[in-house]
Amino acid sequence: MSTTARSSHTLAVLVENRPGVLARVASMFSRRGYNIHSLAVGTTDDPRVSRLTIVVGAEAVQLEQITKQLNKLVHVLKIQELDPDDSVEVELQLVKVSAGPEERSRVFDLAEVFMAEVVDVDADSVTIEIAGNVGRLERFVGVMEEFGIREMVRSGSIALSRGGRSITDGSRLRLQRVV
């Protein structure tokens, strides 16, 4: 675990892919008063295992407590803090802006500059999909604000370590037999 005083940490958590596991993890955070900034969950290459990517606001001492409490949960298999300098972290965002026929071409041009994709066009709005790190998404929102943001949603961060390393390197996951 990193002992730096960063206030935001990204945790990769492998859990058994079973009903109620996500609720137990979220409940642990809630009971202890820790704030989750972002949470994304999905299955892995092993259908018995899900991966949670949790971005949590915590100091180093709190992070250590969070990790200890997560490890106590029976269906948690492994936890890894991802170093921001040694990992790839991405979010997906949809932004719906007001754009009539006269503004539409400018919105399209700006989306192209950001390598974003226009996914829906209506008489008075355009919806754009963009993926990237938090800074990129925030810059995009800043540019789109002049058109009037009607609606916006983010997926939450997903992240992997850079290079050939994997969260499962050097360890055997303690999967219980699913009945």
N, C-alpha and C. Protein backbone atom coordinates (compact mmCIF):
# COMPACT_ATOMS: atom_id res chain seq x y z
N MET A 1 0.82 -1.19 0.00
CA MET A 1 0.00 0.00 0.00
C MET A 1 0.86 1.25 0.00
N SER A 2 0.44 2.21 -0.70
CA SER A 2 1.13 3.49 -0.74
C SER A 2 0.91 4.24 0.57
N THR A 3 1.94 4.91 1.05
CA THR A 3 1.80 5.68 2.28
C THR A 3 1.79 7.17 2.01
N THR A 4 1.59 7.55 0.78
CA THR A 4 1.52 8.97 0.46
C THR A 4 0.24 9.57 1.01
N ALA A 5 0.20 10.87 1.09
CA ALA A 5 -0.95 11.56 1.68
C ALA A 5 -1.97 11.98 0.64
N ARG A 6 -1.98 11.34 -0.52
CA ARG A 6 -2.99 11.67 -1.53
C ARG A 6 -4.37 11.56 -0.92
N SER A 7 -5.29 12.38 -1.39
CA SER A 7 -6.63 12.32 -0.83
C SER A 7 -7.58 11.46 -1.65
N SER A 8 -7.16 11.01 -2.82
CA SER A 8 -7.99 10.15 -3.65
C SER A 8 -7.17 8.93 -4.06
N HIS A 9 -7.74 7.74 -3.86
CA HIS A 9 -7.04 6.50 -4.15
C HIS A 9 -7.93 5.59 -4.98
N THR A 10 -7.31 4.88 -5.92
CA THR A 10 -8.04 3.93 -6.75
C THR A 10 -7.70 2.52 -6.29
N LEU A 11 -8.74 1.77 -5.94
CA LEU A 11 -8.56 0.39 -5.49
C LEU A 11 -9.16 -0.56 -6.53
N ALA A 12 -8.42 -1.60 -6.87
CA ALA A 12 -8.94 -2.69 -7.67
C ALA A 12 -9.26 -3.80 -6.68
N VAL A 13 -10.50 -4.27 -6.70
CA VAL A 13 -10.94 -5.27 -5.74
C VAL A 13 -11.56 -6.43 -6.50
N LEU A 14 -10.99 -7.61 -6.33
CA LEU A 14 -11.58 -8.81 -6.91
C LEU A 14 -12.50 -9.44 -5.88
N VAL A 15 -13.71 -9.77 -6.30
CA VAL A 15 -14.70 -10.38 -5.42
C VAL A 15 -15.35 -11.55 -6.12
N GLU A 16 -15.95 -12.42 -5.32
CA GLU A 16 -16.72 -13.51 -5.91
C GLU A 16 -17.93 -12.90 -6.60
N ASN A 17 -18.25 -13.40 -7.78
CA ASN A 17 -19.39 -12.91 -8.55
C ASN A 17 -20.65 -13.58 -8.01
N ARG A 18 -21.17 -13.03 -6.91
CA ARG A 18 -22.33 -13.59 -6.23
C ARG A 18 -23.29 -12.47 -5.85
N PRO A 19 -24.57 -12.79 -5.74
CA PRO A 19 -25.55 -11.78 -5.33
C PRO A 19 -25.23 -11.24 -3.93
N GLY A 20 -25.37 -9.93 -3.77
CA GLY A 20 -25.20 -9.30 -2.47
C GLY A 20 -23.80 -8.83 -2.14
N VAL A 21 -22.80 -9.23 -2.92
CA VAL A 21 -21.42 -8.86 -2.60
C VAL A 21 -21.23 -7.35 -2.73
N LEU A 22 -21.73 -6.76 -3.80
CA LEU A 22 -21.61 -5.31 -3.97
C LEU A 22 -22.29 -4.57 -2.83
N ALA A 23 -23.46 -5.03 -2.42
CA ALA A 23 -24.17 -4.39 -1.31
C ALA A 23 -23.34 -4.45 -0.03
N ARG A 24 -22.66 -5.57 0.22
CA ARG A 24 -21.83 -5.69 1.42
C ARG A 24 -20.65 -4.73 1.39
N VAL A 25 -20.04 -4.61 0.21
CA VAL A 25 -18.90 -3.69 0.07
C VAL A 25 -19.36 -2.25 0.28
N ALA A 26 -20.43 -1.86 -0.40
CA ALA A 26 -20.94 -0.49 -0.26
C ALA A 26 -21.37 -0.20 1.17
N SER A 27 -21.97 -1.18 1.81
CA SER A 27 -22.41 -1.02 3.20
C SER A 27 -21.23 -0.81 4.13
N MET A 28 -20.14 -1.51 3.89
CA MET A 28 -18.94 -1.33 4.72
C MET A 28 -18.45 0.11 4.64
N PHE A 29 -18.43 0.68 3.45
CA PHE A 29 -18.01 2.07 3.30
C PHE A 29 -18.97 3.00 4.03
N SER A 30 -20.25 2.77 3.87
CA SER A 30 -21.27 3.61 4.48
C SER A 30 -21.20 3.57 6.01
N ARG A 31 -21.10 2.38 6.56
CA ARG A 31 -21.06 2.23 8.03
C ARG A 31 -19.90 2.97 8.64
N ARG A 32 -18.79 3.06 7.93
CA ARG A 32 -17.59 3.69 8.48
C ARG A 32 -17.43 5.14 8.05
N GLY A 33 -18.39 5.64 7.27
CA GLY A 33 -18.38 7.05 6.90
C GLY A 33 -17.36 7.42 5.84
N TYR A 34 -16.94 6.46 5.02
CA TYR A 34 -16.00 6.75 3.94
C TYR A 34 -16.79 7.07 2.68
N ASN A 35 -16.34 8.05 1.93
CA ASN A 35 -17.03 8.47 0.72
C ASN A 35 -16.43 7.78 -0.50
N ILE A 36 -17.28 7.17 -1.30
CA ILE A 36 -16.86 6.59 -2.57
C ILE A 36 -17.06 7.65 -3.65
N HIS A 37 -15.97 8.06 -4.31
CA HIS A 37 -16.07 9.04 -5.40
C HIS A 37 -16.57 8.39 -6.68
N SER A 38 -16.17 7.12 -6.88
CA SER A 38 -16.52 6.43 -8.11
C SER A 38 -16.50 4.93 -7.84
N LEU A 39 -17.45 4.22 -8.47
CA LEU A 39 -17.52 2.77 -8.31
C LEU A 39 -17.96 2.17 -9.64
N ALA A 40 -17.15 1.27 -10.17
CA ALA A 40 -17.50 0.55 -11.40
C ALA A 40 -17.29 -0.94 -11.14
N VAL A 41 -18.23 -1.75 -11.62
CA VAL A 41 -18.19 -3.18 -11.37
C VAL A 41 -18.43 -3.93 -12.67
N GLY A 42 -17.70 -5.00 -12.87
CA GLY A 42 -17.93 -5.86 -14.03
C GLY A 42 -17.27 -7.20 -13.84
N THR A 43 -17.69 -8.16 -14.64
CA THR A 43 -17.08 -9.48 -14.56
C THR A 43 -15.68 -9.45 -15.17
N THR A 44 -14.90 -10.45 -14.86
CA THR A 44 -13.54 -10.56 -15.38
C THR A 44 -13.50 -11.68 -16.41
N ASP A 45 -12.30 -12.08 -16.79
CA ASP A 45 -12.16 -13.21 -17.71
C ASP A 45 -12.62 -14.51 -17.06
N ASP A 46 -12.71 -14.54 -15.73
CA ASP A 46 -13.25 -15.68 -14.99
C ASP A 46 -14.67 -15.32 -14.57
N PRO A 47 -15.68 -15.99 -15.07
CA PRO A 47 -17.07 -15.61 -14.77
C PRO A 47 -17.43 -15.74 -13.28
N ARG A 48 -16.60 -16.40 -12.50
CA ARG A 48 -16.85 -16.52 -11.06
C ARG A 48 -16.35 -15.30 -10.29
N VAL A 49 -15.63 -14.40 -10.99
CA VAL A 49 -14.99 -13.26 -10.33
C VAL A 49 -15.44 -11.96 -10.96
N SER A 50 -15.78 -10.99 -10.11
CA SER A 50 -16.06 -9.63 -10.55
C SER A 50 -14.95 -8.71 -10.07
N ARG A 51 -14.75 -7.62 -10.78
CA ARG A 51 -13.73 -6.65 -10.40
C ARG A 51 -14.43 -5.33 -10.11
N LEU A 52 -14.17 -4.80 -8.93
CA LEU A 52 -14.65 -3.48 -8.56
C LEU A 52 -13.50 -2.51 -8.70
N THR A 53 -13.73 -1.39 -9.32
CA THR A 53 -12.77 -0.30 -9.32
C THR A 53 -13.40 0.78 -8.47
N ILE A 54 -12.78 1.05 -7.32
CA ILE A 54 -13.33 2.00 -6.35
C ILE A 54 -12.36 3.16 -6.21
N VAL A 55 -12.84 4.37 -6.46
CA VAL A 55 -12.06 5.57 -6.19
C VAL A 55 -12.63 6.13 -4.90
N VAL A 56 -11.77 6.23 -3.90
CA VAL A 56 -12.21 6.63 -2.57
C VAL A 56 -11.40 7.82 -2.10
N GLY A 57 -12.08 8.76 -1.44
CA GLY A 57 -11.40 9.90 -0.83
C GLY A 57 -10.97 9.50 0.56
N ALA A 58 -9.66 9.37 0.77
CA ALA A 58 -9.16 8.94 2.07
C ALA A 58 -7.70 9.31 2.22
N GLU A 59 -7.31 9.58 3.46
CA GLU A 59 -5.90 9.76 3.78
C GLU A 59 -5.28 8.38 3.95
N ALA A 60 -3.95 8.31 4.07
CA ALA A 60 -3.25 7.03 4.13
C ALA A 60 -3.73 6.15 5.28
N VAL A 61 -3.96 6.73 6.45
CA VAL A 61 -4.40 5.95 7.61
C VAL A 61 -5.80 5.39 7.35
N GLN A 62 -6.68 6.20 6.80
CA GLN A 62 -8.03 5.74 6.48
C GLN A 62 -7.98 4.65 5.41
N LEU A 63 -7.12 4.82 4.42
CA LEU A 63 -6.99 3.83 3.35
C LEU A 63 -6.58 2.48 3.92
N GLU A 64 -5.67 2.48 4.87
CA GLU A 64 -5.25 1.23 5.52
C GLU A 64 -6.44 0.58 6.23
N GLN A 65 -7.25 1.38 6.90
CA GLN A 65 -8.44 0.84 7.57
C GLN A 65 -9.46 0.30 6.57
N ILE A 66 -9.66 1.02 5.48
CA ILE A 66 -10.58 0.56 4.43
C ILE A 66 -10.13 -0.80 3.90
N THR A 67 -8.84 -0.93 3.63
CA THR A 67 -8.29 -2.17 3.10
C THR A 67 -8.48 -3.31 4.10
N LYS A 68 -8.21 -3.06 5.37
CA LYS A 68 -8.39 -4.09 6.40
C LYS A 68 -9.84 -4.52 6.49
N GLN A 69 -10.76 -3.55 6.45
CA GLN A 69 -12.19 -3.88 6.55
C GLN A 69 -12.67 -4.65 5.32
N LEU A 70 -12.20 -4.26 4.14
CA LEU A 70 -12.57 -4.99 2.92
C LEU A 70 -12.06 -6.43 2.98
N ASN A 71 -10.83 -6.60 3.47
CA ASN A 71 -10.26 -7.94 3.56
C ASN A 71 -11.04 -8.84 4.50
N LYS A 72 -11.77 -8.28 5.46
CA LYS A 72 -12.58 -9.07 6.39
C LYS A 72 -13.85 -9.61 5.74
N LEU A 73 -14.27 -8.99 4.63
CA LEU A 73 -15.49 -9.46 3.96
C LEU A 73 -15.21 -10.79 3.29
N VAL A 74 -16.06 -11.75 3.53
CA VAL A 74 -15.81 -13.14 3.13
C VAL A 74 -15.66 -13.32 1.62
N HIS A 75 -16.34 -12.55 0.81
CA HIS A 75 -16.30 -12.76 -0.64
C HIS A 75 -15.27 -11.90 -1.36
N VAL A 76 -14.47 -11.13 -0.60
CA VAL A 76 -13.40 -10.33 -1.20
C VAL A 76 -12.19 -11.23 -1.38
N LEU A 77 -11.69 -11.29 -2.61
CA LEU A 77 -10.58 -12.18 -2.94
C LEU A 77 -9.23 -11.50 -2.90
N LYS A 78 -9.16 -10.26 -3.39
CA LYS A 78 -7.89 -9.55 -3.45
C LYS A 78 -8.14 -8.06 -3.61
N ILE A 79 -7.26 -7.26 -3.01
CA ILE A 79 -7.34 -5.80 -3.11
C ILE A 79 -5.97 -5.28 -3.53
N GLN A 80 -5.97 -4.33 -4.45
CA GLN A 80 -4.73 -3.72 -4.89
C GLN A 80 -4.97 -2.22 -5.06
N GLU A 81 -4.11 -1.40 -4.45
CA GLU A 81 -4.17 0.03 -4.72
C GLU A 81 -3.39 0.28 -6.00
N LEU A 82 -3.98 1.04 -6.91
CA LEU A 82 -3.33 1.33 -8.18
C LEU A 82 -2.64 2.69 -8.10
N ASP A 83 -1.36 2.69 -8.36
CA ASP A 83 -0.57 3.92 -8.37
C ASP A 83 -0.94 4.70 -9.63
N PRO A 84 -1.34 5.97 -9.50
CA PRO A 84 -1.76 6.73 -10.69
C PRO A 84 -0.67 6.87 -11.75
N ASP A 85 0.60 6.83 -11.34
CA ASP A 85 1.70 6.94 -12.30
C ASP A 85 2.01 5.61 -12.98
N ASP A 86 1.46 4.53 -12.45
CA ASP A 86 1.78 3.20 -12.96
C ASP A 86 0.52 2.43 -13.36
N SER A 87 -0.53 3.18 -13.74
CA SER A 87 -1.77 2.53 -14.15
C SER A 87 -2.47 3.36 -15.21
N VAL A 88 -3.41 2.73 -15.87
CA VAL A 88 -4.24 3.39 -16.87
C VAL A 88 -5.64 3.47 -16.29
N GLU A 89 -6.18 4.68 -16.21
CA GLU A 89 -7.50 4.89 -15.63
C GLU A 89 -8.37 5.66 -16.63
N VAL A 90 -9.58 5.16 -16.88
CA VAL A 90 -10.46 5.74 -17.89
C VAL A 90 -11.89 5.79 -17.37
N GLU A 91 -12.62 6.83 -17.77
CA GLU A 91 -14.05 6.94 -17.51
C GLU A 91 -14.75 7.16 -18.84
N LEU A 92 -16.00 6.78 -18.89
CA LEU A 92 -16.86 7.05 -20.04
C LEU A 92 -17.86 8.11 -19.60
N GLN A 93 -18.13 9.06 -20.49
CA GLN A 93 -19.06 10.14 -20.17
C GLN A 93 -19.98 10.40 -21.35
N LEU A 94 -21.25 10.63 -21.06
CA LEU A 94 -22.20 11.10 -22.06
C LEU A 94 -22.59 12.52 -21.68
N VAL A 95 -22.58 13.41 -22.67
CA VAL A 95 -22.95 14.81 -22.45
C VAL A 95 -23.99 15.20 -23.49
N LYS A 96 -25.14 15.67 -23.01
CA LYS A 96 -26.19 16.17 -23.91
C LYS A 96 -26.17 17.69 -23.83
N VAL A 97 -25.96 18.35 -24.97
CA VAL A 97 -25.92 19.81 -25.00
C VAL A 97 -27.04 20.35 -25.89
N SER A 98 -27.44 21.57 -25.60
CA SER A 98 -28.40 22.26 -26.46
C SER A 98 -27.67 22.68 -27.73
N ALA A 99 -28.23 22.32 -28.87
CA ALA A 99 -27.59 22.69 -30.13
C ALA A 99 -28.62 22.60 -31.24
N GLY A 100 -29.08 23.76 -31.66
CA GLY A 100 -29.97 23.83 -32.82
C GLY A 100 -29.14 23.73 -34.08
N PRO A 101 -29.77 23.83 -35.23
CA PRO A 101 -29.06 23.69 -36.51
C PRO A 101 -27.88 24.65 -36.67
N GLU A 102 -28.00 25.86 -36.13
CA GLU A 102 -26.92 26.85 -36.31
C GLU A 102 -25.68 26.55 -35.45
N GLU A 103 -25.83 25.86 -34.30
CA GLU A 103 -24.67 25.54 -33.44
C GLU A 103 -24.12 24.14 -33.70
N ARG A 104 -24.90 23.32 -34.36
CA ARG A 104 -24.58 21.90 -34.47
C ARG A 104 -23.21 21.63 -35.08
N SER A 105 -22.85 22.31 -36.15
CA SER A 105 -21.56 22.02 -36.80
C SER A 105 -20.40 22.37 -35.87
N ARG A 106 -20.55 23.40 -35.07
CA ARG A 106 -19.48 23.76 -34.11
C ARG A 106 -19.36 22.69 -33.03
N VAL A 107 -20.48 22.16 -32.55
CA VAL A 107 -20.45 21.07 -31.56
C VAL A 107 -19.76 19.85 -32.17
N PHE A 108 -20.10 19.53 -33.42
CA PHE A 108 -19.47 18.38 -34.10
C PHE A 108 -17.96 18.58 -34.21
N ASP A 109 -17.53 19.79 -34.58
CA ASP A 109 -16.10 20.08 -34.73
C ASP A 109 -15.37 19.93 -33.39
N LEU A 110 -15.97 20.46 -32.32
CA LEU A 110 -15.34 20.35 -31.00
C LEU A 110 -15.29 18.89 -30.53
N ALA A 111 -16.32 18.13 -30.81
CA ALA A 111 -16.32 16.71 -30.46
C ALA A 111 -15.17 16.01 -31.19
N GLU A 112 -14.97 16.35 -32.46
CA GLU A 112 -13.89 15.74 -33.23
C GLU A 112 -12.52 16.10 -32.66
N VAL A 113 -12.34 17.35 -32.23
CA VAL A 113 -11.07 17.77 -31.62
C VAL A 113 -10.76 16.93 -30.39
N PHE A 114 -11.77 16.61 -29.61
CA PHE A 114 -11.60 15.81 -28.39
C PHE A 114 -11.66 14.31 -28.66
N MET A 115 -11.75 13.92 -29.93
CA MET A 115 -11.89 12.52 -30.32
C MET A 115 -13.08 11.87 -29.62
N ALA A 116 -14.16 12.63 -29.52
CA ALA A 116 -15.41 12.15 -28.95
C ALA A 116 -16.33 11.76 -30.09
N GLU A 117 -17.37 11.02 -29.75
CA GLU A 117 -18.29 10.54 -30.79
C GLU A 117 -19.70 11.08 -30.54
N VAL A 118 -20.28 11.64 -31.57
CA VAL A 118 -21.68 12.07 -31.50
C VAL A 118 -22.53 10.81 -31.60
N VAL A 119 -23.36 10.56 -30.57
CA VAL A 119 -24.15 9.33 -30.53
C VAL A 119 -25.64 9.56 -30.72
N ASP A 120 -26.08 10.83 -30.65
CA ASP A 120 -27.49 11.13 -30.87
C ASP A 120 -27.63 12.59 -31.26
N VAL A 121 -28.51 12.85 -32.22
CA VAL A 121 -28.81 14.21 -32.66
C VAL A 121 -30.31 14.35 -32.70
N ASP A 122 -30.81 15.43 -32.12
CA ASP A 122 -32.23 15.75 -32.10
C ASP A 122 -32.38 17.15 -32.67
N ALA A 123 -33.59 17.62 -32.81
CA ALA A 123 -33.83 18.96 -33.38
C ALA A 123 -33.13 20.06 -32.60
N ASP A 124 -33.02 19.90 -31.28
CA ASP A 124 -32.42 20.97 -30.47
C ASP A 124 -31.35 20.48 -29.50
N SER A 125 -30.82 19.27 -29.71
CA SER A 125 -29.76 18.78 -28.82
C SER A 125 -28.86 17.78 -29.54
N VAL A 126 -27.66 17.63 -28.96
CA VAL A 126 -26.67 16.67 -29.45
C VAL A 126 -26.12 15.94 -28.22
N THR A 127 -26.01 14.62 -28.32
CA THR A 127 -25.43 13.82 -27.24
C THR A 127 -24.09 13.28 -27.72
N ILE A 128 -23.06 13.46 -26.89
CA ILE A 128 -21.70 13.10 -27.25
C ILE A 128 -21.16 12.12 -26.23
N GLU A 129 -20.45 11.11 -26.72
CA GLU A 129 -19.78 10.12 -25.88
C GLU A 129 -18.29 10.40 -25.92
N ILE A 130 -17.67 10.44 -24.74
CA ILE A 130 -16.22 10.67 -24.66
C ILE A 130 -15.65 9.78 -23.56
N ALA A 131 -14.47 9.25 -23.81
CA ALA A 131 -13.78 8.42 -22.82
C ALA A 131 -12.40 9.02 -22.59
N GLY A 132 -11.94 8.89 -21.35
CA GLY A 132 -10.61 9.38 -21.04
C GLY A 132 -10.43 9.56 -19.54
N ASN A 133 -9.33 10.21 -19.19
CA ASN A 133 -9.10 10.47 -17.77
C ASN A 133 -9.95 11.65 -17.31
N VAL A 134 -10.01 11.84 -16.02
CA VAL A 134 -10.87 12.86 -15.44
C VAL A 134 -10.56 14.25 -15.99
N GLY A 135 -9.28 14.58 -16.14
CA GLY A 135 -8.89 15.90 -16.65
C GLY A 135 -9.43 16.14 -18.05
N ARG A 136 -9.32 15.15 -18.90
CA ARG A 136 -9.83 15.28 -20.28
C ARG A 136 -11.34 15.50 -20.28
N LEU A 137 -12.05 14.73 -19.47
CA LEU A 137 -13.50 14.86 -19.42
C LEU A 137 -13.91 16.23 -18.89
N GLU A 138 -13.21 16.72 -17.90
CA GLU A 138 -13.54 18.04 -17.35
C GLU A 138 -13.26 19.15 -18.36
N ARG A 139 -12.17 19.02 -19.12
CA ARG A 139 -11.88 20.02 -20.16
C ARG A 139 -12.98 20.01 -21.22
N PHE A 140 -13.43 18.82 -21.59
CA PHE A 140 -14.49 18.71 -22.58
C PHE A 140 -15.78 19.37 -22.08
N VAL A 141 -16.13 19.11 -20.84
CA VAL A 141 -17.33 19.72 -20.25
C VAL A 141 -17.19 21.24 -20.24
N GLY A 142 -16.01 21.74 -19.92
CA GLY A 142 -15.77 23.18 -19.92
C GLY A 142 -16.02 23.81 -21.28
N VAL A 143 -15.62 23.12 -22.34
CA VAL A 143 -15.83 23.61 -23.70
C VAL A 143 -17.31 23.55 -24.08
N MET A 144 -17.99 22.51 -23.65
CA MET A 144 -19.40 22.31 -24.01
C MET A 144 -20.36 23.20 -23.21
N GLU A 145 -19.91 23.76 -22.11
CA GLU A 145 -20.78 24.58 -21.26
C GLU A 145 -21.39 25.77 -22.00
N GLU A 146 -20.67 26.31 -22.98
CA GLU A 146 -21.18 27.47 -23.71
C GLU A 146 -22.47 27.15 -24.48
N PHE A 147 -22.69 25.88 -24.80
CA PHE A 147 -23.90 25.48 -25.52
C PHE A 147 -25.06 25.20 -24.57
N GLY A 148 -24.74 25.00 -23.32
CA GLY A 148 -25.75 24.66 -22.32
C GLY A 148 -25.86 23.16 -22.16
N ILE A 149 -25.34 22.66 -21.07
CA ILE A 149 -25.41 21.22 -20.81
C ILE A 149 -26.78 20.89 -20.25
N ARG A 150 -27.47 20.01 -20.94
CA ARG A 150 -28.83 19.62 -20.54
C ARG A 150 -28.81 18.43 -19.61
N GLU A 151 -27.84 17.54 -19.83
CA GLU A 151 -27.75 16.33 -19.03
C GLU A 151 -26.35 15.75 -19.20
N MET A 152 -25.86 15.10 -18.13
CA MET A 152 -24.52 14.53 -18.19
C MET A 152 -24.46 13.35 -17.24
N VAL A 153 -23.70 12.32 -17.63
CA VAL A 153 -23.50 11.15 -16.77
C VAL A 153 -22.10 10.58 -17.03
N ARG A 154 -21.48 10.09 -15.93
CA ARG A 154 -20.19 9.42 -16.04
C ARG A 154 -20.31 8.00 -15.53
N SER A 155 -19.50 7.13 -16.09
CA SER A 155 -19.56 5.71 -15.74
C SER A 155 -18.86 5.39 -14.43
N GLY A 156 -17.91 6.18 -14.04
CA GLY A 156 -17.01 5.82 -12.95
C GLY A 156 -15.73 5.28 -13.56
N SER A 157 -14.66 5.38 -12.82
CA SER A 157 -13.36 4.97 -13.33
C SER A 157 -13.22 3.46 -13.41
N ILE A 158 -12.53 3.02 -14.44
CA ILE A 158 -12.02 1.66 -14.51
C ILE A 158 -10.52 1.80 -14.71
N ALA A 159 -9.75 0.87 -14.17
CA ALA A 159 -8.30 1.03 -14.22
C ALA A 159 -7.59 -0.31 -14.20
N LEU A 160 -6.43 -0.34 -14.83
CA LEU A 160 -5.53 -1.49 -14.84
C LEU A 160 -4.11 -1.01 -14.64
N SER A 161 -3.27 -1.87 -14.05
CA SER A 161 -1.84 -1.58 -13.95
C SER A 161 -1.24 -1.55 -15.34
N ARG A 162 -0.23 -0.71 -15.53
CA ARG A 162 0.48 -0.66 -16.81
C ARG A 162 1.37 -1.89 -16.97
N GLY A 163 1.70 -2.19 -18.20
CA GLY A 163 2.65 -3.26 -18.49
C GLY A 163 2.04 -4.65 -18.33
N GLY A 164 2.89 -5.62 -18.11
CA GLY A 164 2.49 -7.02 -18.06
C GLY A 164 1.95 -7.49 -16.72
N ARG A 165 2.03 -6.64 -15.71
CA ARG A 165 1.56 -7.06 -14.38
C ARG A 165 0.05 -7.18 -14.34
N SER A 166 -0.41 -8.03 -13.42
CA SER A 166 -1.84 -8.25 -13.25
C SER A 166 -2.15 -8.35 -11.76
N ILE A 167 -3.35 -8.02 -11.39
CA ILE A 167 -3.77 -8.12 -9.99
C ILE A 167 -3.67 -9.55 -9.48
N THR A 168 -3.74 -10.52 -10.37
CA THR A 168 -3.69 -11.92 -9.95
C THR A 168 -2.27 -12.50 -9.97
N ASP A 169 -1.26 -11.73 -10.34
CA ASP A 169 0.12 -12.22 -10.35
C ASP A 169 0.54 -12.68 -8.97
N GLY A 170 1.14 -13.86 -8.92
CA GLY A 170 1.73 -14.36 -7.69
C GLY A 170 0.75 -14.74 -6.59
N SER A 171 -0.52 -14.87 -6.91
CA SER A 171 -1.45 -15.25 -5.86
C SER A 171 -2.50 -16.21 -6.40
N ARG A 172 -3.00 -17.00 -5.51
CA ARG A 172 -4.11 -17.88 -5.84
C ARG A 172 -5.35 -17.30 -5.19
N LEU A 173 -6.38 -17.14 -5.96
CA LEU A 173 -7.62 -16.61 -5.45
C LEU A 173 -8.34 -17.69 -4.67
N ARG A 174 -8.85 -17.35 -3.52
CA ARG A 174 -9.53 -18.32 -2.66
C ARG A 174 -11.03 -18.36 -2.96
N LEU A 175 -11.36 -18.91 -4.10
CA LEU A 175 -12.76 -19.00 -4.50
C LEU A 175 -13.45 -20.13 -3.76
N GLN A 176 -14.59 -19.81 -3.19
CA GLN A 176 -15.41 -20.84 -2.55
C GLN A 176 -16.22 -21.52 -3.64
N ARG A 177 -16.57 -22.76 -3.38
CA ARG A 177 -17.38 -23.48 -4.36
C ARG A 177 -18.77 -22.88 -4.41
N VAL A 178 -19.18 -22.47 -5.61
CA VAL A 178 -20.51 -21.88 -5.78
C VAL A 178 -21.53 -23.00 -5.81
N VAL A 179 -22.51 -22.90 -4.92
CA VAL A 179 -23.53 -23.95 -4.82
C VAL A 179 -24.82 -23.48 -5.45
